[in-house]
Amino acid sequence: MPKPKLLPLMLMLFVVPRILLAGDLSLGFADAGKMAQAASRELWSEYQKHYLKEGAWAWGLRAYFPRLSVTVSEDDRLSLVNADSFLKNYTLNIEQLLFDGGRTSMSRKLEKAKLKLESTALERMAAEISEGAVAAYRQVILYRKVLEVRERALESLEEQGRILNSEVELGLALALDMAGAGITINQAKIEIASVKLNLIEAEKQLAEALGLNELPLLMEEIDIHRMAVRLSPEAVKSIAEARNPGMAAARHSIAKRQVEAKYAALSWIPTLRLTGSVGLGGQHYPLTRHNWSIGISVDFSSPWISGNLNGSAGWEPPYDRSARLQNTLSPLPDPAQAYTARNTLLALNLEKSNYDINFMKLGRAAVDGVEKCSLLEKKRALAVETLELEREKYRLGELKLDLGKLTRLELMDARLDYAEKEIAAVEAAIALLEGERELEKLLDFSPGELYQLADLVLQ
C-alpha cells in the first residue's frame, strides 16, 4: 500500500482515537492495527521529532544565501599628553559562498538520506505496533472460539451426566460410572477456567494495545471452512521484490552510502567565498568617515596539506586605499583522513553486497511463504475432514448407546474427543491466517488485503 505522508498520518494519530471513542464500533484486523498506531504515544512522539527534523532540514537552505553580521565598537582613550580619542565604528560584514565543489549540496543530500532512513524506521515501528495488535486480536478470537467449543461440550456432558444420574437411581447404571462422569465434567470445567484466564489476559493485552478500557465489537471470526488464497509463487515473488519494506529501507541505506562516498571524494576541493564590508566611523555623531572593502577567500583541506588564501582591497575616501594578501599553509594536518574515502567506498560496496544477498533471500522467502500457506491449507482441510469424521463417529456412538453396545461414560469421552477435534480445526484455521499474514507483511499488504487482492496473485 502507498505510504501515508507524515502530516496526514500525524493528524490520523491525533483524531482517530477520538472518533473510535465516539460510539459503539465494530473492529476488523486492519482497523485494530490503525487504532494501535493511533494509541501509541511513543510513535506519536517519534513522528513529531521527525517532523521537526524535516523542518530543520528545510531551513538548511540558508547555507546558500549571504551571511550578514554587524559589528559595533567604541574605542575611548584618555591621554595626559596627547589629545583624547573617542572613536566609534559601525561595520556591516557580508560573506557569500561562491563555490565549494558541491559539498553543501552533498551535505544536504546526506541529511535527506538520513531523514528517509528515519522515515522507513518509523514506518517499521508503526508496522510492528500494528502487527502486535493484530496478533493480540487473533489470540482473542481464538480463545473465544475455543471457549465456545468447550462450553458446548460441557453442556452436552452435563446433560449426559443428568441422564446417567437418573439411570443410577433406577439401577440401570453403576455408581462407579457416575463418579467417572463427574471426573470428566470437572476436567471439562477446569479446561474452561483455563481458557477463560487466557482470554481475559488476551483481551487485556488487546485493549491496552488499542488504548481502550473496554474492547469494542470484534467483527472478525474464525471460519474453519475458509480456504486459503490460491497464489502464484512467481507473482508473489515479483510483488515482494517491488514492495517489501525491508528492501526499500536497504535501498535508502545504499543511497545514503553513495552520498557519503561522494561527499568524502569532494572533501579536497577548495571553497571559494566572497567577502565584503562597509563601515562608518568618527569621533562624534553624526559619523562622517566611511570605508569599504571587498575580497576573496579560498580555503582548502586535504590529508596532506591545508590552508587558506585571502585577498582583499578597500577604500577609505577621500585619499586612503588598501590591499591585503594573506596565505596560510599547514602540512600533514590529518594523514589518517586519507582512508576516509576508502572506508566509505568499502561501506558502500558492503551495503550493495548485502542488498544482493537479501534480495535473493527475499525471493526464496516469498516462494517459501506461498508453499507454507499451501501446507497450512492442507492442514486446515485435513482438520476439517477429521472433524467431520469425528462428528459421524459421535453420531454412531449415540446409536450404539441406544442399542446398548456403548456405555454413557464412553459416549462422554467421545464427546470430549469431538471437542478436541473441533479445537484442532480452529487452531488450523488460525495458523492459516497467521501464515497468510506473514506473507502479507512480506508484500507490505494490510491485514486481509491478500485475500481481497487475490486476483493479482492468482494462479
Protein backbone atom coordinates (compact mmCIF):
# COMPACT_ATOMS: atom_id res chain seq x y z
CA MET A 1 0.00 0.00 0.00
CA PRO A 2 1.22 3.56 -0.58
CA LYS A 3 2.87 5.09 2.47
CA PRO A 4 0.91 7.93 4.12
CA LYS A 5 2.53 11.34 4.22
CA LEU A 6 3.84 12.45 7.57
CA LEU A 7 1.43 15.28 8.36
CA PRO A 8 -1.77 13.35 7.43
CA LEU A 9 -0.51 10.43 9.50
CA MET A 10 0.13 12.72 12.46
CA LEU A 11 -3.40 14.07 12.11
CA MET A 12 -4.70 10.50 11.96
CA LEU A 13 -2.84 9.66 15.17
CA PHE A 14 -4.46 12.64 16.86
CA VAL A 15 -8.02 12.32 15.55
CA VAL A 16 -8.66 8.57 15.17
CA PRO A 17 -8.76 7.73 18.90
CA ARG A 18 -11.47 10.35 19.47
CA ILE A 19 -13.52 9.05 16.56
CA LEU A 20 -13.28 5.48 17.80
CA LEU A 21 -14.39 6.50 21.27
CA ALA A 22 -17.41 8.34 19.90
CA GLY A 23 -19.68 5.30 19.89
CA ASP A 24 -20.07 1.57 19.52
CA LEU A 25 -17.96 0.33 16.64
CA SER A 26 -17.01 -2.99 15.16
CA LEU A 27 -13.35 -3.63 14.61
CA GLY A 28 -11.54 -5.68 11.97
CA PHE A 29 -7.90 -6.70 11.74
CA ALA A 30 -6.84 -3.64 9.74
CA ASP A 31 -8.82 -1.27 11.98
CA ALA A 32 -7.18 -2.75 15.07
CA GLY A 33 -3.75 -2.14 13.58
CA LYS A 34 -4.57 1.50 12.82
CA MET A 35 -6.04 2.02 16.29
CA ALA A 36 -2.91 0.61 17.91
CA GLN A 37 -0.78 3.04 15.91
CA ALA A 38 -3.05 5.91 16.90
CA ALA A 39 -2.89 4.91 20.57
CA SER A 40 0.91 4.67 20.72
CA ARG A 41 2.26 7.80 22.37
CA GLU A 42 5.81 6.66 21.65
CA LEU A 43 5.05 6.51 17.93
CA TRP A 44 3.37 9.91 18.10
CA SER A 45 6.43 11.37 19.83
CA GLU A 46 8.83 9.89 17.26
CA TYR A 47 6.78 11.28 14.38
CA GLN A 48 6.82 14.71 16.00
CA LYS A 49 10.61 14.56 16.35
CA HIS A 50 10.93 13.51 12.72
CA TYR A 51 8.65 16.36 11.63
CA LEU A 52 10.87 18.85 13.48
CA LYS A 53 13.99 17.39 11.85
CA GLU A 54 12.44 17.81 8.41
CA GLY A 55 11.68 21.44 9.27
CA ALA A 56 15.28 21.97 10.35
CA TRP A 57 16.48 20.41 7.09
CA ALA A 58 14.31 22.80 5.09
CA TRP A 59 15.91 25.76 6.85
CA GLY A 60 19.30 24.41 5.78
CA LEU A 61 18.77 26.30 2.50
CA ARG A 62 20.13 29.26 4.45
CA ALA A 63 23.65 27.98 3.65
CA TYR A 64 23.25 29.15 0.03
CA PHE A 65 22.43 32.76 0.94
CA PRO A 66 24.72 35.59 2.10
CA ARG A 67 25.69 35.74 5.76
CA LEU A 68 25.42 39.18 7.32
CA SER A 69 26.88 40.46 10.57
CA VAL A 70 27.03 43.87 12.22
CA THR A 71 29.94 44.99 14.40
CA VAL A 72 29.64 47.97 16.73
CA SER A 73 32.66 49.23 18.66
CA GLU A 74 33.75 52.27 20.61
CA ASP A 75 37.39 52.92 21.49
CA ASP A 76 37.87 55.65 24.09
CA ARG A 77 41.38 56.80 25.04
CA LEU A 78 42.27 59.46 27.60
CA SER A 79 45.80 60.82 27.40
CA LEU A 80 47.74 63.12 29.71
CA VAL A 81 49.97 64.31 26.87
CA ASN A 82 48.09 63.94 23.59
CA ALA A 83 44.54 64.73 22.67
CA ASP A 84 41.80 62.44 23.93
CA SER A 85 40.32 60.00 21.41
CA PHE A 86 36.74 58.75 21.17
CA LEU A 87 36.50 56.51 18.09
CA LYS A 88 33.19 54.99 17.10
CA ASN A 89 32.83 52.34 14.38
CA TYR A 90 29.83 50.60 12.81
CA THR A 91 30.62 47.86 10.30
CA LEU A 92 28.34 45.71 8.15
CA ASN A 93 30.05 42.47 7.03
CA ILE A 94 28.83 40.17 4.28
CA GLU A 95 30.07 36.74 3.23
CA GLN A 96 28.76 34.76 0.27
CA LEU A 97 29.68 31.19 -0.65
CA LEU A 98 30.58 31.06 -4.33
CA PHE A 99 31.87 27.53 -4.81
CA ASP A 100 32.62 24.54 -2.61
CA GLY A 101 32.71 21.70 -5.11
CA GLY A 102 29.16 20.67 -4.28
CA ARG A 103 29.90 19.84 -0.63
CA THR A 104 27.00 21.89 0.71
CA SER A 105 24.63 20.22 -1.73
CA MET A 106 26.03 16.80 -0.85
CA SER A 107 25.70 17.57 2.85
CA ARG A 108 22.02 18.38 2.38
CA LYS A 109 21.53 15.23 0.32
CA LEU A 110 23.20 13.22 3.08
CA GLU A 111 20.89 14.75 5.68
CA LYS A 112 17.90 13.99 3.44
CA ALA A 113 19.03 10.38 3.05
CA LYS A 114 19.25 10.09 6.84
CA LEU A 115 15.75 11.50 7.14
CA LYS A 116 14.46 8.93 4.65
CA LEU A 117 16.11 6.16 6.66
CA GLU A 118 14.48 7.51 9.81
CA SER A 119 11.17 7.65 7.97
CA THR A 120 11.41 3.99 6.96
CA ALA A 121 12.39 3.12 10.54
CA LEU A 122 9.26 4.91 11.76
CA GLU A 123 7.18 3.01 9.24
CA ARG A 124 8.66 -0.26 10.52
CA MET A 125 7.94 0.83 14.08
CA ALA A 126 4.33 1.61 13.14
CA ALA A 127 4.05 -1.75 11.37
CA GLU A 128 5.36 -3.59 14.44
CA ILE A 129 2.84 -1.84 16.68
CA SER A 130 0.06 -2.66 14.23
CA GLU A 131 1.22 -6.26 13.96
CA GLY A 132 1.24 -6.65 17.73
CA ALA A 133 -2.39 -5.54 17.87
CA VAL A 134 -3.39 -7.89 15.04
CA ALA A 135 -1.67 -10.81 16.77
CA ALA A 136 -3.47 -9.97 20.03
CA TYR A 137 -6.74 -9.75 18.06
CA ARG A 138 -6.17 -13.26 16.67
CA GLN A 139 -5.49 -14.61 20.16
CA VAL A 140 -8.72 -13.10 21.47
CA ILE A 141 -10.92 -14.60 18.77
CA LEU A 142 -9.07 -17.92 19.11
CA TYR A 143 -9.71 -18.15 22.85
CA ARG A 144 -13.31 -17.02 22.38
CA LYS A 145 -13.89 -19.74 19.82
CA VAL A 146 -12.18 -22.38 21.98
CA LEU A 147 -14.26 -21.26 24.96
CA GLU A 148 -17.41 -21.58 22.87
CA VAL A 149 -16.44 -25.13 21.88
CA ARG A 150 -15.57 -26.08 25.47
CA GLU A 151 -18.83 -24.67 26.83
CA ARG A 152 -20.91 -26.54 24.24
CA ALA A 153 -19.08 -29.74 25.16
CA LEU A 154 -19.70 -29.07 28.86
CA GLU A 155 -23.42 -28.59 28.24
CA SER A 156 -23.53 -31.93 26.45
CA LEU A 157 -21.52 -33.63 29.22
CA GLU A 158 -23.75 -32.21 31.94
CA GLU A 159 -26.83 -33.40 30.07
CA GLN A 160 -25.34 -36.89 29.81
CA GLY A 161 -24.41 -36.67 33.50
CA ARG A 162 -28.01 -35.92 34.48
CA ILE A 163 -29.25 -38.84 32.40
CA LEU A 164 -26.58 -41.09 33.93
CA ASN A 165 -27.60 -39.98 37.44
CA SER A 166 -31.20 -40.95 36.69
CA GLU A 167 -30.01 -44.32 35.40
CA VAL A 168 -28.02 -44.89 38.60
CA GLU A 169 -31.09 -44.09 40.70
CA LEU A 170 -33.09 -46.61 38.64
CA GLY A 171 -30.34 -49.19 38.98
CA LEU A 172 -29.57 -49.15 35.28
CA ALA A 173 -26.00 -47.92 35.77
CA LEU A 174 -23.26 -48.25 38.35
CA ALA A 175 -22.27 -45.57 40.86
CA LEU A 176 -18.72 -46.03 39.59
CA ASP A 177 -19.86 -44.77 36.19
CA MET A 178 -21.37 -41.72 37.86
CA ALA A 179 -18.06 -41.00 39.61
CA GLY A 180 -16.24 -41.28 36.29
CA ALA A 181 -18.76 -38.91 34.70
CA GLY A 182 -18.21 -36.40 37.50
CA ILE A 183 -14.46 -36.52 36.95
CA THR A 184 -14.95 -35.97 33.21
CA ILE A 185 -17.25 -33.00 33.82
CA ASN A 186 -14.86 -31.44 36.33
CA GLN A 187 -11.96 -31.82 33.90
CA ALA A 188 -14.04 -30.02 31.28
CA LYS A 189 -14.74 -27.21 33.78
CA ILE A 190 -11.03 -26.93 34.57
CA GLU A 191 -10.29 -26.58 30.85
CA ILE A 192 -12.92 -23.85 30.58
CA ALA A 193 -11.46 -21.98 33.55
CA SER A 194 -8.01 -22.16 31.96
CA VAL A 195 -9.32 -20.85 28.64
CA LYS A 196 -11.17 -18.01 30.42
CA LEU A 197 -7.97 -16.96 32.17
CA ASN A 198 -6.13 -16.92 28.85
CA LEU A 199 -8.99 -15.00 27.25
CA ILE A 200 -9.00 -12.35 29.99
CA GLU A 201 -5.27 -11.82 29.57
CA ALA A 202 -5.55 -11.68 25.76
CA GLU A 203 -8.43 -9.17 25.93
CA LYS A 204 -6.44 -7.06 28.37
CA GLN A 205 -3.43 -7.02 26.06
CA LEU A 206 -5.57 -6.10 23.05
CA ALA A 207 -7.37 -3.32 24.94
CA GLU A 208 -4.03 -1.89 26.08
CA ALA A 209 -2.68 -2.04 22.54
CA LEU A 210 -5.76 -0.18 21.27
CA GLY A 211 -5.66 2.38 24.08
CA LEU A 212 -9.18 1.46 25.27
CA ASN A 213 -10.63 0.47 28.62
CA GLU A 214 -13.08 -1.96 27.04
CA LEU A 215 -12.98 -3.80 23.75
CA PRO A 216 -15.47 -2.87 21.03
CA LEU A 217 -17.26 -5.48 18.97
CA LEU A 218 -14.73 -7.62 17.10
CA MET A 219 -16.14 -8.30 13.66
CA GLU A 220 -13.55 -10.88 12.58
CA GLU A 221 -14.44 -14.52 13.15
CA ILE A 222 -12.70 -17.83 12.66
CA ASP A 223 -14.10 -19.69 9.69
CA ILE A 224 -12.72 -23.20 9.58
CA HIS A 225 -14.17 -23.65 6.09
CA ARG A 226 -12.46 -20.60 4.58
CA MET A 227 -9.97 -21.79 2.00
CA ALA A 228 -6.58 -20.17 1.51
CA VAL A 229 -5.95 -17.81 -1.37
CA ARG A 230 -4.51 -19.64 -4.37
CA LEU A 231 -1.20 -17.97 -5.07
CA SER A 232 1.34 -17.95 -7.87
CA PRO A 233 4.87 -18.14 -6.43
CA GLU A 234 6.29 -16.08 -9.29
CA ALA A 235 3.66 -13.36 -8.90
CA VAL A 236 4.20 -13.20 -5.14
CA LYS A 237 7.98 -13.06 -5.64
CA SER A 238 7.64 -10.21 -8.13
CA ILE A 239 5.36 -8.20 -5.82
CA ALA A 240 7.65 -8.81 -2.84
CA GLU A 241 10.70 -7.59 -4.74
CA ALA A 242 8.86 -4.39 -5.63
CA ARG A 243 7.11 -3.66 -2.33
CA ASN A 244 8.99 -5.29 0.53
CA PRO A 245 9.65 -2.66 3.27
CA GLY A 246 12.99 -4.18 4.23
CA MET A 247 14.31 -3.89 0.69
CA ALA A 248 13.01 -0.32 0.44
CA ALA A 249 14.94 0.53 3.61
CA ALA A 250 18.03 -1.16 2.16
CA ARG A 251 17.76 0.96 -0.99
CA HIS A 252 17.59 4.11 1.13
CA SER A 253 20.66 2.92 3.02
CA ILE A 254 22.57 2.38 -0.24
CA ALA A 255 21.58 5.87 -1.41
CA LYS A 256 22.91 7.27 1.88
CA ARG A 257 26.20 5.40 1.44
CA GLN A 258 26.52 6.71 -2.11
CA VAL A 259 26.09 10.29 -0.91
CA GLU A 260 28.65 9.70 1.85
CA ALA A 261 31.15 8.38 -0.70
CA LYS A 262 30.63 11.38 -2.98
CA TYR A 263 30.94 13.76 -0.04
CA ALA A 264 34.24 12.17 1.03
CA ALA A 265 35.55 12.31 -2.55
CA LEU A 266 34.82 16.05 -2.76
CA SER A 267 36.47 16.96 0.55
CA TRP A 268 39.72 18.14 -1.14
CA ILE A 269 38.06 20.67 -3.46
CA PRO A 270 38.76 24.29 -2.35
CA THR A 271 36.00 26.50 -1.02
CA LEU A 272 35.65 29.95 -2.59
CA ARG A 273 33.93 32.77 -0.71
CA LEU A 274 33.29 36.43 -1.45
CA THR A 275 33.69 38.78 1.50
CA GLY A 276 32.89 42.45 1.87
CA SER A 277 32.35 45.13 4.47
CA VAL A 278 31.03 48.68 4.73
CA GLY A 279 31.81 50.82 7.76
CA LEU A 280 31.09 54.19 9.34
CA GLY A 281 33.36 55.80 11.89
CA GLY A 282 34.35 59.03 13.52
CA GLN A 283 34.94 60.91 16.74
CA HIS A 284 31.48 62.36 17.12
CA TYR A 285 27.94 61.83 15.90
CA PRO A 286 26.98 62.11 13.15
CA LEU A 287 29.78 59.87 11.89
CA THR A 288 31.49 61.37 8.86
CA ARG A 289 34.13 58.81 7.84
CA HIS A 290 33.25 55.75 5.82
CA ASN A 291 35.11 52.84 4.26
CA TRP A 292 34.51 49.71 2.32
CA SER A 293 36.40 46.59 1.29
CA ILE A 294 35.85 43.53 -0.87
CA GLY A 295 37.82 40.31 -1.03
CA ILE A 296 38.10 36.68 -1.97
CA SER A 297 38.78 33.83 0.45
CA VAL A 298 39.96 30.40 -0.67
CA ASP A 299 40.06 27.54 1.87
CA PHE A 300 41.33 24.08 1.09
CA SER A 301 41.86 20.98 3.15
CA SER A 302 43.30 17.56 2.42
CA PRO A 303 45.07 14.89 4.47
CA TRP A 304 48.44 16.18 3.22
CA ILE A 305 48.10 19.95 3.20
CA SER A 306 45.55 22.53 4.23
CA GLY A 307 45.37 26.28 4.41
CA ASN A 308 43.68 29.42 3.16
CA LEU A 309 44.40 32.30 0.83
CA ASN A 310 42.77 35.66 1.48
CA GLY A 311 42.94 38.72 -0.72
CA SER A 312 41.08 41.99 -0.26
CA ALA A 313 41.05 45.60 -1.43
CA GLY A 314 39.44 48.62 0.16
CA TRP A 315 38.98 52.38 0.05
CA GLU A 316 38.57 54.97 2.75
CA PRO A 317 37.61 58.20 0.99
CA PRO A 318 38.89 60.58 0.07
CA TYR A 319 42.54 59.58 -0.05
CA ASP A 320 43.26 56.18 1.50
CA ARG A 321 43.25 52.89 -0.34
CA SER A 322 44.29 49.48 0.99
CA ALA A 323 45.10 45.99 -0.25
CA ARG A 324 45.87 42.84 1.67
CA LEU A 325 47.07 39.36 0.77
CA GLN A 326 47.46 36.58 3.32
CA ASN A 327 48.36 32.92 2.84
CA THR A 328 48.44 30.18 5.47
CA LEU A 329 49.63 26.61 4.89
CA SER A 330 49.63 23.63 7.23
CA PRO A 331 51.45 20.46 6.06
CA LEU A 332 50.17 16.99 7.03
CA PRO A 333 47.17 18.21 9.05
CA ASP A 334 45.48 14.79 9.21
CA PRO A 335 47.06 11.98 7.13
CA ALA A 336 44.65 9.41 8.59
CA GLN A 337 41.82 11.20 6.78
CA ALA A 338 43.15 9.75 3.53
CA TYR A 339 41.46 6.48 4.48
CA THR A 340 38.05 8.07 4.99
CA ALA A 341 37.12 7.97 1.30
CA ARG A 342 38.28 4.36 1.06
CA ASN A 343 36.24 3.42 4.11
CA THR A 344 33.11 4.99 2.64
CA LEU A 345 33.61 3.07 -0.61
CA LEU A 346 34.08 -0.17 1.33
CA ALA A 347 30.91 0.54 3.30
CA LEU A 348 29.04 1.23 0.05
CA ASN A 349 30.26 -1.99 -1.56
CA LEU A 350 29.31 -3.96 1.56
CA GLU A 351 25.85 -2.38 1.55
CA LYS A 352 25.35 -3.33 -2.09
CA SER A 353 26.58 -6.87 -1.45
CA ASN A 354 24.19 -7.27 1.48
CA TYR A 355 21.37 -5.92 -0.66
CA ASP A 356 22.02 -8.51 -3.37
CA ILE A 357 22.10 -11.31 -0.78
CA ASN A 358 18.92 -10.11 0.93
CA PHE A 359 17.24 -9.69 -2.45
CA MET A 360 17.85 -13.35 -3.22
CA LYS A 361 16.68 -14.32 0.27
CA LEU A 362 13.53 -12.30 -0.25
CA GLY A 363 12.70 -14.21 -3.43
CA ARG A 364 13.17 -17.52 -1.63
CA ALA A 365 11.14 -16.29 1.34
CA ALA A 366 8.28 -15.31 -0.97
CA VAL A 367 8.24 -18.73 -2.64
CA ASP A 368 8.56 -20.47 0.74
CA GLY A 369 5.71 -18.34 2.09
CA VAL A 370 3.44 -19.50 -0.71
CA GLU A 371 4.44 -23.11 -0.06
CA LYS A 372 3.83 -22.64 3.67
CA CYS A 373 0.34 -21.28 3.04
CA SER A 374 -0.35 -24.25 0.76
CA LEU A 375 0.72 -26.68 3.50
CA LEU A 376 -1.31 -24.82 6.11
CA GLU A 377 -4.32 -25.05 3.80
CA LYS A 378 -3.83 -28.81 3.56
CA LYS A 379 -3.58 -28.98 7.33
CA ARG A 380 -6.82 -27.00 7.68
CA ALA A 381 -8.61 -29.19 5.14
CA LEU A 382 -7.45 -32.36 6.92
CA ALA A 383 -8.50 -30.94 10.29
CA VAL A 384 -11.98 -30.15 8.94
CA GLU A 385 -12.21 -33.60 7.35
CA THR A 386 -11.16 -35.20 10.63
CA LEU A 387 -13.77 -33.13 12.44
CA GLU A 388 -16.48 -34.40 10.08
CA LEU A 389 -15.36 -37.98 10.69
CA GLU A 390 -15.37 -37.38 14.45
CA ARG A 391 -18.88 -35.92 14.19
CA GLU A 392 -20.04 -39.04 12.35
CA LYS A 393 -18.27 -41.21 14.92
CA TYR A 394 -20.08 -39.43 17.74
CA ARG A 395 -23.45 -39.82 15.95
CA LEU A 396 -22.81 -43.55 15.58
CA GLY A 397 -21.84 -43.64 19.25
CA GLU A 398 -25.26 -42.27 20.14
CA LEU A 399 -26.86 -45.06 18.10
CA LYS A 400 -24.66 -47.66 19.82
CA LEU A 401 -25.73 -46.23 23.18
CA ASP A 402 -29.38 -46.72 22.22
CA LEU A 403 -28.56 -50.31 21.20
CA GLY A 404 -26.72 -50.95 24.46
CA LYS A 405 -23.35 -51.50 22.76
CA LEU A 406 -21.75 -48.39 24.29
CA THR A 407 -21.79 -47.00 27.81
CA ARG A 408 -22.82 -43.44 28.50
CA LEU A 409 -19.41 -42.77 30.04
CA GLU A 410 -17.77 -43.85 26.78
CA LEU A 411 -20.10 -41.52 24.90
CA MET A 412 -18.99 -38.65 27.13
CA ASP A 413 -15.38 -39.45 26.31
CA ALA A 414 -16.33 -39.46 22.63
CA ARG A 415 -17.89 -36.01 23.10
CA LEU A 416 -14.62 -34.72 24.52
CA ASP A 417 -12.75 -36.20 21.56
CA TYR A 418 -15.12 -34.37 19.24
CA ALA A 419 -14.45 -31.08 21.09
CA GLU A 420 -10.69 -31.62 20.76
CA LYS A 421 -11.03 -32.19 17.01
CA GLU A 422 -13.13 -29.04 16.73
CA ILE A 423 -10.46 -27.06 18.58
CA ALA A 424 -7.79 -28.57 16.32
CA ALA A 425 -9.73 -27.33 13.27
CA VAL A 426 -9.99 -23.84 14.82
CA GLU A 427 -6.25 -23.78 15.54
CA ALA A 428 -5.52 -24.91 11.98
CA ALA A 429 -7.66 -22.04 10.65
CA ILE A 430 -5.80 -19.57 12.88
CA ALA A 431 -2.45 -20.98 11.74
CA LEU A 432 -3.53 -20.38 8.14
CA LEU A 433 -4.45 -16.78 8.99
CA GLU A 434 -1.04 -16.30 10.59
CA GLY A 435 0.73 -17.81 7.58
CA GLU A 436 -1.15 -15.51 5.21
CA ARG A 437 -0.38 -12.55 7.46
CA GLU A 438 3.34 -13.35 7.29
CA LEU A 439 3.05 -13.31 3.52
CA GLU A 440 1.15 -10.01 3.65
CA LYS A 441 3.96 -8.45 5.70
CA LEU A 442 6.44 -9.66 3.11
CA LEU A 443 4.37 -7.94 0.40
CA ASP A 444 3.68 -4.84 2.52
CA PHE A 445 -0.07 -5.54 2.47
CA SER A 446 -2.54 -4.57 5.18
CA PRO A 447 -4.25 -7.35 7.18
CA GLY A 448 -6.73 -9.11 4.92
CA GLU A 449 -5.53 -7.33 1.77
CA LEU A 450 -4.01 -10.51 0.36
CA TYR A 451 -7.44 -12.13 0.29
CA GLN A 452 -9.09 -9.02 -1.17
CA LEU A 453 -6.47 -8.64 -3.93
CA ALA A 454 -6.35 -12.32 -4.79
CA ASP A 455 -6.82 -11.56 -8.49
CA LEU A 456 -3.30 -10.07 -8.56
CA VAL A 457 -1.66 -13.24 -7.32
CA LEU A 458 -3.98 -15.99 -8.50
CA GLN A 459 -2.52 -18.86 -10.45
